[in-house]
Amino acid sequence: MGSLGLFFKRIDNFFIILQFTLLPYFLSLSHWQPSMAYLPFAPGAHLVRLGLTGGAFDREVFLLALLQGVLLFAVGLWAMAAMYRLVRRKGILGRF
């Protein structure tokens, strides 16, 4: 989302709307099922819930959450670098 903000510059309201639309997604992760393992942030949300309720630590879910976090970080870093190159190429970075 930061890379889109770098390009369009005026999407603050879009970010707020997007965050409110994602809120039910995170709240719906209350009952863990193995089919949810590939949804973004679902393993992490499950681990947070286990930590808050005193549940048993699940090593496989932790490794999956760690892998998802690293992959999402890499994709975000790549997107930011690509948008930064595009913005510099178009010459609109100096307008900030």
N, C-alpha and C. Protein backbone atom coordinates (compact mmCIF):
# COMPACT_ATOMS: atom_id res chain seq x y z
N MET A 1 0.82 -1.18 0.00
CA MET A 1 0.00 0.00 0.00
C MET A 1 0.87 1.24 0.00
N GLY A 2 2.04 1.15 0.60
CA GLY A 2 2.93 2.29 0.59
C GLY A 2 3.44 2.62 -0.79
N SER A 3 3.65 1.58 -1.61
CA SER A 3 4.11 1.84 -2.97
C SER A 3 3.03 2.53 -3.80
N LEU A 4 1.77 2.17 -3.56
CA LEU A 4 0.69 2.87 -4.26
C LEU A 4 0.59 4.32 -3.79
N GLY A 5 0.83 4.54 -2.51
CA GLY A 5 0.83 5.90 -1.98
C GLY A 5 1.95 6.73 -2.58
N LEU A 6 3.08 6.10 -2.87
CA LEU A 6 4.20 6.79 -3.49
C LEU A 6 3.84 7.23 -4.91
N PHE A 7 3.07 6.41 -5.60
CA PHE A 7 2.71 6.72 -6.98
C PHE A 7 1.53 7.69 -7.08
N PHE A 8 0.46 7.43 -6.35
CA PHE A 8 -0.74 8.24 -6.50
C PHE A 8 -0.79 9.43 -5.55
N LYS A 9 -0.08 9.39 -4.46
CA LYS A 9 0.08 10.46 -3.48
C LYS A 9 -1.15 10.83 -2.68
N ARG A 10 -2.35 10.62 -3.16
CA ARG A 10 -3.55 11.06 -2.46
C ARG A 10 -4.55 9.92 -2.34
N ILE A 11 -4.16 8.89 -1.62
CA ILE A 11 -5.08 7.77 -1.45
C ILE A 11 -5.29 7.47 0.03
N ASP A 12 -5.22 8.50 0.86
CA ASP A 12 -5.43 8.31 2.29
C ASP A 12 -6.80 7.72 2.59
N ASN A 13 -7.83 8.25 1.96
CA ASN A 13 -9.18 7.75 2.19
C ASN A 13 -9.32 6.31 1.73
N PHE A 14 -8.65 5.95 0.64
CA PHE A 14 -8.68 4.58 0.17
C PHE A 14 -8.07 3.63 1.20
N PHE A 15 -6.97 4.05 1.84
CA PHE A 15 -6.35 3.22 2.87
C PHE A 15 -7.30 2.98 4.03
N ILE A 16 -8.02 4.01 4.44
CA ILE A 16 -8.96 3.87 5.56
C ILE A 16 -10.08 2.91 5.20
N ILE A 17 -10.63 3.06 4.00
CA ILE A 17 -11.70 2.16 3.56
C ILE A 17 -11.18 0.73 3.46
N LEU A 18 -9.98 0.55 2.94
CA LEU A 18 -9.41 -0.79 2.82
C LEU A 18 -9.20 -1.43 4.19
N GLN A 19 -8.74 -0.66 5.15
CA GLN A 19 -8.52 -1.21 6.48
C GLN A 19 -9.83 -1.64 7.12
N PHE A 20 -10.89 -0.87 6.94
CA PHE A 20 -12.18 -1.26 7.51
C PHE A 20 -12.78 -2.45 6.80
N THR A 21 -12.50 -2.62 5.51
CA THR A 21 -13.01 -3.81 4.81
C THR A 21 -12.22 -5.05 5.19
N LEU A 22 -10.98 -4.90 5.61
CA LEU A 22 -10.18 -6.05 6.03
C LEU A 22 -10.45 -6.46 7.48
N LEU A 23 -11.06 -5.58 8.25
CA LEU A 23 -11.33 -5.88 9.66
C LEU A 23 -12.21 -7.12 9.84
N PRO A 24 -13.31 -7.29 9.11
CA PRO A 24 -14.09 -8.54 9.28
C PRO A 24 -13.31 -9.79 8.89
N TYR A 25 -12.38 -9.65 7.94
CA TYR A 25 -11.54 -10.79 7.57
C TYR A 25 -10.72 -11.27 8.77
N PHE A 26 -10.10 -10.34 9.47
CA PHE A 26 -9.28 -10.74 10.62
C PHE A 26 -10.12 -11.23 11.79
N LEU A 27 -11.31 -10.68 11.95
CA LEU A 27 -12.18 -11.12 13.03
C LEU A 27 -12.83 -12.46 12.72
N SER A 28 -12.91 -12.83 11.44
CA SER A 28 -13.53 -14.10 11.08
C SER A 28 -12.60 -15.28 11.28
N LEU A 29 -11.38 -15.04 11.63
CA LEU A 29 -10.41 -16.12 11.81
C LEU A 29 -10.48 -16.70 13.23
N SER A 30 -11.68 -16.85 13.75
CA SER A 30 -11.82 -17.28 15.14
C SER A 30 -11.71 -18.79 15.30
N HIS A 31 -12.04 -19.56 14.30
CA HIS A 31 -11.97 -21.02 14.39
C HIS A 31 -10.98 -21.52 13.35
N TRP A 32 -9.83 -21.98 13.80
CA TRP A 32 -8.77 -22.42 12.91
C TRP A 32 -9.14 -23.73 12.24
N GLN A 33 -8.95 -23.77 10.92
CA GLN A 33 -9.13 -24.98 10.14
C GLN A 33 -7.91 -25.13 9.25
N PRO A 34 -7.48 -26.36 8.97
CA PRO A 34 -6.29 -26.54 8.12
C PRO A 34 -6.42 -25.91 6.74
N SER A 35 -7.63 -25.76 6.22
CA SER A 35 -7.79 -25.16 4.90
C SER A 35 -7.48 -23.67 4.92
N MET A 36 -7.41 -23.05 6.09
CA MET A 36 -7.13 -21.63 6.21
C MET A 36 -5.63 -21.34 6.23
N ALA A 37 -4.81 -22.36 6.15
CA ALA A 37 -3.37 -22.18 6.30
C ALA A 37 -2.76 -21.29 5.24
N TYR A 38 -3.37 -21.23 4.07
CA TYR A 38 -2.77 -20.47 2.98
C TYR A 38 -3.32 -19.06 2.86
N LEU A 39 -4.27 -18.69 3.69
CA LEU A 39 -4.76 -17.32 3.70
C LEU A 39 -3.72 -16.41 4.34
N PRO A 40 -3.55 -15.21 3.83
CA PRO A 40 -2.56 -14.30 4.41
C PRO A 40 -2.91 -13.96 5.86
N PHE A 41 -1.94 -14.03 6.71
CA PHE A 41 -2.02 -13.67 8.13
C PHE A 41 -2.88 -14.60 8.98
N ALA A 42 -3.50 -15.61 8.40
CA ALA A 42 -4.34 -16.51 9.19
C ALA A 42 -3.52 -17.32 10.20
N PRO A 43 -2.36 -17.88 9.85
CA PRO A 43 -1.59 -18.60 10.86
C PRO A 43 -1.12 -17.69 11.99
N GLY A 44 -0.73 -16.46 11.65
CA GLY A 44 -0.30 -15.52 12.69
C GLY A 44 -1.44 -15.13 13.62
N ALA A 45 -2.62 -14.91 13.05
CA ALA A 45 -3.78 -14.58 13.88
C ALA A 45 -4.14 -15.76 14.78
N HIS A 46 -4.00 -16.97 14.27
CA HIS A 46 -4.27 -18.16 15.08
C HIS A 46 -3.27 -18.26 16.24
N LEU A 47 -2.01 -17.99 15.97
CA LEU A 47 -1.00 -18.04 17.03
C LEU A 47 -1.23 -16.96 18.08
N VAL A 48 -1.66 -15.79 17.66
CA VAL A 48 -1.97 -14.73 18.64
C VAL A 48 -3.13 -15.15 19.51
N ARG A 49 -4.15 -15.75 18.90
CA ARG A 49 -5.30 -16.21 19.69
C ARG A 49 -4.89 -17.30 20.66
N LEU A 50 -4.02 -18.23 20.21
CA LEU A 50 -3.55 -19.28 21.12
C LEU A 50 -2.77 -18.68 22.28
N GLY A 51 -1.96 -17.67 22.00
CA GLY A 51 -1.18 -17.03 23.05
C GLY A 51 -2.06 -16.30 24.06
N LEU A 52 -3.11 -15.69 23.58
CA LEU A 52 -3.99 -14.93 24.48
C LEU A 52 -4.91 -15.83 25.30
N THR A 53 -5.26 -16.98 24.76
CA THR A 53 -6.17 -17.87 25.47
C THR A 53 -5.46 -18.98 26.23
N GLY A 54 -4.14 -19.02 26.14
CA GLY A 54 -3.39 -20.03 26.87
C GLY A 54 -3.37 -21.38 26.16
N GLY A 55 -3.56 -21.40 24.86
CA GLY A 55 -3.54 -22.64 24.10
C GLY A 55 -2.13 -23.17 23.91
N ALA A 56 -2.04 -24.38 23.41
CA ALA A 56 -0.74 -25.02 23.20
C ALA A 56 -0.07 -24.44 21.96
N PHE A 57 1.25 -24.28 22.03
CA PHE A 57 2.02 -23.75 20.91
C PHE A 57 2.08 -24.79 19.80
N ASP A 58 1.83 -24.36 18.57
CA ASP A 58 1.86 -25.25 17.42
C ASP A 58 3.04 -24.86 16.53
N ARG A 59 4.05 -25.71 16.50
CA ARG A 59 5.28 -25.40 15.78
C ARG A 59 5.07 -25.28 14.27
N GLU A 60 4.24 -26.15 13.69
CA GLU A 60 4.01 -26.12 12.24
C GLU A 60 3.32 -24.82 11.82
N VAL A 61 2.36 -24.39 12.61
CA VAL A 61 1.66 -23.14 12.29
C VAL A 61 2.62 -21.96 12.45
N PHE A 62 3.50 -22.03 13.44
CA PHE A 62 4.49 -20.97 13.62
C PHE A 62 5.42 -20.88 12.42
N LEU A 63 5.90 -22.02 11.93
CA LEU A 63 6.78 -22.00 10.77
C LEU A 63 6.06 -21.49 9.53
N LEU A 64 4.79 -21.85 9.38
CA LEU A 64 4.01 -21.36 8.26
C LEU A 64 3.80 -19.85 8.36
N ALA A 65 3.52 -19.36 9.55
CA ALA A 65 3.35 -17.92 9.75
C ALA A 65 4.66 -17.18 9.48
N LEU A 66 5.77 -17.75 9.89
CA LEU A 66 7.07 -17.14 9.64
C LEU A 66 7.37 -17.10 8.14
N LEU A 67 7.09 -18.19 7.45
CA LEU A 67 7.30 -18.24 6.01
C LEU A 67 6.41 -17.22 5.29
N GLN A 68 5.15 -17.14 5.69
CA GLN A 68 4.26 -16.15 5.07
C GLN A 68 4.75 -14.73 5.33
N GLY A 69 5.21 -14.47 6.53
CA GLY A 69 5.71 -13.13 6.85
C GLY A 69 6.91 -12.75 6.02
N VAL A 70 7.84 -13.68 5.87
CA VAL A 70 9.04 -13.41 5.06
C VAL A 70 8.66 -13.21 3.59
N LEU A 71 7.77 -14.05 3.07
CA LEU A 71 7.37 -13.92 1.67
C LEU A 71 6.61 -12.61 1.42
N LEU A 72 5.70 -12.26 2.31
CA LEU A 72 4.96 -11.01 2.15
C LEU A 72 5.87 -9.79 2.28
N PHE A 73 6.86 -9.88 3.15
CA PHE A 73 7.83 -8.79 3.27
C PHE A 73 8.63 -8.65 1.98
N ALA A 74 9.06 -9.76 1.40
CA ALA A 74 9.83 -9.73 0.16
C ALA A 74 8.99 -9.17 -0.99
N VAL A 75 7.73 -9.58 -1.08
CA VAL A 75 6.85 -9.06 -2.14
C VAL A 75 6.63 -7.56 -1.95
N GLY A 76 6.43 -7.12 -0.72
CA GLY A 76 6.25 -5.69 -0.46
C GLY A 76 7.49 -4.88 -0.77
N LEU A 77 8.66 -5.44 -0.45
CA LEU A 77 9.91 -4.76 -0.76
C LEU A 77 10.10 -4.65 -2.26
N TRP A 78 9.77 -5.72 -2.97
CA TRP A 78 9.88 -5.70 -4.43
C TRP A 78 8.91 -4.68 -5.03
N ALA A 79 7.66 -4.64 -4.54
CA ALA A 79 6.68 -3.70 -5.05
C ALA A 79 7.11 -2.26 -4.78
N MET A 80 7.66 -2.00 -3.62
CA MET A 80 8.11 -0.66 -3.29
C MET A 80 9.26 -0.24 -4.19
N ALA A 81 10.20 -1.15 -4.44
CA ALA A 81 11.33 -0.83 -5.32
C ALA A 81 10.87 -0.60 -6.75
N ALA A 82 9.91 -1.40 -7.21
CA ALA A 82 9.40 -1.23 -8.58
C ALA A 82 8.67 0.10 -8.72
N MET A 83 7.85 0.46 -7.75
CA MET A 83 7.14 1.74 -7.81
C MET A 83 8.11 2.91 -7.67
N TYR A 84 9.12 2.75 -6.86
CA TYR A 84 10.12 3.81 -6.71
C TYR A 84 10.83 4.06 -8.04
N ARG A 85 11.20 2.98 -8.75
CA ARG A 85 11.81 3.13 -10.07
C ARG A 85 10.85 3.81 -11.05
N LEU A 86 9.59 3.40 -11.03
CA LEU A 86 8.59 3.99 -11.93
C LEU A 86 8.39 5.47 -11.64
N VAL A 87 8.31 5.83 -10.38
CA VAL A 87 8.09 7.22 -9.98
C VAL A 87 9.31 8.06 -10.36
N ARG A 88 10.49 7.52 -10.16
CA ARG A 88 11.70 8.27 -10.54
C ARG A 88 11.80 8.43 -12.04
N ARG A 89 11.41 7.38 -12.78
CA ARG A 89 11.47 7.44 -14.23
C ARG A 89 10.50 8.48 -14.77
N LYS A 90 9.32 8.58 -14.16
CA LYS A 90 8.33 9.58 -14.60
C LYS A 90 8.63 10.98 -14.09
N GLY A 91 9.52 11.08 -13.12
CA GLY A 91 9.93 12.39 -12.60
C GLY A 91 8.93 13.02 -11.65
N ILE A 92 8.10 12.22 -10.99
CA ILE A 92 7.11 12.80 -10.07
C ILE A 92 7.51 12.65 -8.61
N LEU A 93 8.70 12.13 -8.35
CA LEU A 93 9.13 11.97 -6.96
C LEU A 93 9.48 13.31 -6.32
N GLY A 94 9.96 14.24 -7.10
CA GLY A 94 10.35 15.55 -6.58
C GLY A 94 9.18 16.43 -6.17
N ARG A 95 7.97 16.02 -6.42
CA ARG A 95 6.79 16.82 -6.09
C ARG A 95 6.32 16.65 -4.66
N PHE A 96 6.94 15.81 -3.88
CA PHE A 96 6.50 15.57 -2.51
C PHE A 96 6.85 16.72 -1.62
